[in-house]
Protein backbone atom coordinates (compact mmCIF):
# COMPACT_ATOMS: atom_id res chain seq x y z
CA MET A 1 101.00 128.71 14.24
CA ARG A 2 99.49 125.32 13.47
CA LYS A 3 99.44 124.50 17.18
CA TRP A 4 97.24 127.57 17.87
CA ILE A 5 94.74 126.67 15.16
CA ILE A 6 94.37 123.13 16.53
CA LEU A 7 93.98 124.51 20.08
CA PHE A 8 91.35 127.02 18.88
CA ILE A 9 89.37 124.31 17.06
CA PHE A 10 89.58 122.01 20.11
CA LEU A 11 88.38 124.76 22.48
CA ALA A 12 85.58 125.74 20.08
CA LEU A 13 84.37 122.12 19.98
CA VAL A 14 84.53 121.77 23.78
CA PHE A 15 82.66 125.04 24.38
CA GLY A 16 80.12 124.19 21.67
CA PHE A 17 79.48 120.79 23.27
CA LEU A 18 79.13 122.31 26.76
CA TYR A 19 76.80 125.01 25.42
CA TYR A 20 74.60 122.40 23.72
CA ILE A 21 74.43 120.23 26.83
CA THR A 22 73.61 123.24 29.02
CA PHE A 23 71.03 124.99 26.83
CA GLY A 24 69.96 122.25 24.41
CA TYR A 25 67.26 119.68 25.07
CA TYR A 26 66.76 116.01 24.39
CA SER A 27 63.04 115.98 23.66
CA GLU A 28 59.96 118.15 23.92
CA GLY A 29 56.31 117.39 24.55
CA LYS A 30 53.04 118.23 26.30
CA ARG A 31 51.37 116.97 29.44
CA GLY A 32 47.97 117.78 30.85
CA GLY A 33 46.56 117.62 34.34
CA PHE A 34 46.05 119.59 37.52
CA VAL A 35 48.85 121.51 39.21
CA VAL A 36 48.99 120.50 42.87
CA LYS A 37 52.21 122.24 43.95
CA LEU A 38 54.42 125.13 42.89
CA SER A 39 57.32 126.33 45.02
CA ASN A 40 60.32 128.62 44.63
CA LYS A 41 63.36 126.56 45.70
CA GLY A 42 67.11 126.71 45.76
CA TYR A 43 69.96 127.89 47.96
CA LEU A 44 71.95 129.84 45.42
CA PHE A 45 69.98 129.42 42.19
CA LYS A 46 66.22 129.95 42.69
CA THR A 47 63.88 128.01 40.40
CA HIS A 48 60.20 127.20 40.52
CA GLU A 49 59.48 123.51 41.07
CA GLY A 50 56.03 122.03 40.58
CA VAL A 51 54.01 118.83 40.61
CA LEU A 52 51.36 117.99 38.03
CA ASN A 53 48.68 115.42 38.86
CA VAL A 54 48.35 113.68 35.50
CA GLY A 55 45.63 111.28 36.55
CA GLY A 56 45.53 107.67 37.48
CA LEU A 57 45.32 104.16 36.23
CA TYR A 58 42.99 101.53 37.63
CA GLU A 59 44.59 98.35 38.85
CA GLY A 60 42.90 94.97 38.79
CA GLY A 61 41.68 95.34 42.39
CA GLY A 62 39.74 98.50 41.60
CA THR A 63 42.20 100.91 43.21
CA LEU A 64 43.24 104.14 41.56
CA ASN A 65 46.94 105.02 41.49
CA ALA A 66 47.54 108.73 40.96
CA THR A 67 50.38 109.62 38.62
CA GLN A 68 52.33 112.75 39.49
CA TRP A 69 54.94 114.45 37.34
CA ASP A 70 57.64 116.79 38.69
CA PHE A 71 58.74 119.75 36.59
CA SER A 72 60.83 122.93 36.79
CA VAL A 73 60.16 126.45 35.51
CA GLY A 74 62.89 129.03 34.99
CA GLY A 75 62.56 132.23 37.00
CA ASP A 76 62.59 134.33 33.83
CA ASN A 77 59.43 132.66 32.45
CA GLU A 78 57.01 134.92 34.32
CA GLU A 79 53.99 134.20 32.09
CA ALA A 80 54.20 130.46 32.79
CA ILE A 81 54.58 131.06 36.53
CA LEU A 82 51.54 133.36 36.61
CA ASN A 83 49.44 130.82 34.68
CA LEU A 84 50.51 128.03 37.05
CA GLU A 85 49.60 130.15 40.09
CA GLU A 86 46.22 130.94 38.49
CA ALA A 87 45.62 127.22 37.86
CA ILE A 88 46.32 126.42 41.51
CA LYS A 89 43.97 129.17 42.72
CA THR A 90 41.07 128.21 40.46
CA GLY A 91 41.63 124.45 40.23
CA ARG A 92 41.65 124.53 36.44
CA ARG A 93 43.27 121.88 34.27
CA VAL A 94 46.45 122.89 32.39
CA SER A 95 48.42 121.80 29.37
CA LEU A 96 52.18 122.13 29.89
CA THR A 97 54.67 122.33 27.03
CA TYR A 98 58.08 121.18 28.21
CA GLU A 99 61.63 120.42 27.14
CA GLU A 100 63.62 117.50 28.54
CA LYS A 101 67.26 118.40 29.20
CA PHE A 102 70.24 116.05 29.04
CA PHE A 103 71.38 116.55 32.62
CA ILE A 104 70.16 118.15 35.83
CA LEU A 105 72.36 121.21 36.34
CA PRO A 106 72.15 123.14 39.62
CA TRP A 107 71.26 126.47 38.01
CA ASN A 108 68.48 124.96 35.89
CA GLY A 109 66.34 123.24 38.52
CA ASP A 110 65.71 119.97 40.32
CA THR A 111 64.31 118.05 37.34
CA LYS A 112 65.18 117.37 33.71
CA TYR A 113 61.77 118.69 32.59
CA PHE A 114 61.51 122.44 32.00
CA VAL A 115 58.13 123.98 31.30
CA THR A 116 58.25 126.57 28.54
CA ARG A 117 54.54 127.31 28.12
CA VAL A 118 51.38 126.88 30.21
CA GLU A 119 47.88 126.85 28.73
CA LEU A 120 44.86 127.05 31.03
CA LEU A 121 42.10 124.69 29.90
CA GLU A 122 38.38 124.79 30.50
CA ALA A 123 37.11 122.01 32.73
CA PRO A 124 35.19 119.43 30.70
CA MET A 125 31.67 118.57 31.77
CA SER A 126 31.48 115.31 33.69
CA PRO A 127 29.35 112.62 32.03
CA TYR A 128 27.86 111.82 35.45
CA ARG A 129 26.56 115.29 36.13
CA GLU A 130 23.37 116.72 34.75
CA PRO A 131 23.85 119.81 32.60
CA SER A 132 22.94 122.99 34.37
CA TYR A 133 20.01 124.81 32.85
CA GLN A 134 17.36 127.20 34.06
CA GLN A 135 14.34 125.59 35.66
CA PRO A 136 11.06 127.03 34.38
CA ALA A 137 9.36 129.33 36.83
CA PRO A 138 6.53 127.60 38.71
CA SER A 139 3.05 128.57 37.64
CA PRO A 140 1.25 130.79 40.14
CA VAL A 141 -0.99 128.85 42.51
CA PRO A 142 -4.46 130.30 42.89
CA ALA A 143 -5.27 131.54 46.36
CA ASP A 144 -7.21 129.11 48.54
CA THR A 145 -10.67 130.63 48.86
CA THR A 146 -12.13 127.83 50.91
CA ALA A 147 -9.92 128.28 53.95
CA GLY A 148 -12.46 130.39 55.87
CA THR A 149 -15.59 128.33 55.15
CA VAL A 150 -16.97 125.61 57.37
CA LEU A 151 -18.56 122.59 55.85
């Protein structure tokens, strides 16, 4: 009887550990940027894989290096997928809430970063662009009455 209890406890610990590694996550956070790619990939397990253009850093020579971040979205998270597709169509900036998993498992996706929520952001106004406002209507110009007279 004691052997069965020890075996049950051992199996419960192993299954609990495997469950935590499969469905648990290491960290969570947010990233913002522009979605440049979203694809449905996988041979047996289909997941949505995307690329977020986070921005860039200027180097000493004046060149801009773009930073891109790869992420995965589960197929059951339809709201996030629709928001990502909308962001690609309209070119809007997004804020992605994600969880970082322990390992890359084939049924989860190609990356350790899994997007759980997508928020579409309004594009901020550029400091180099003039604000758009209505120009006042031009005042009516009086008709030229001297066009037919000879001096």
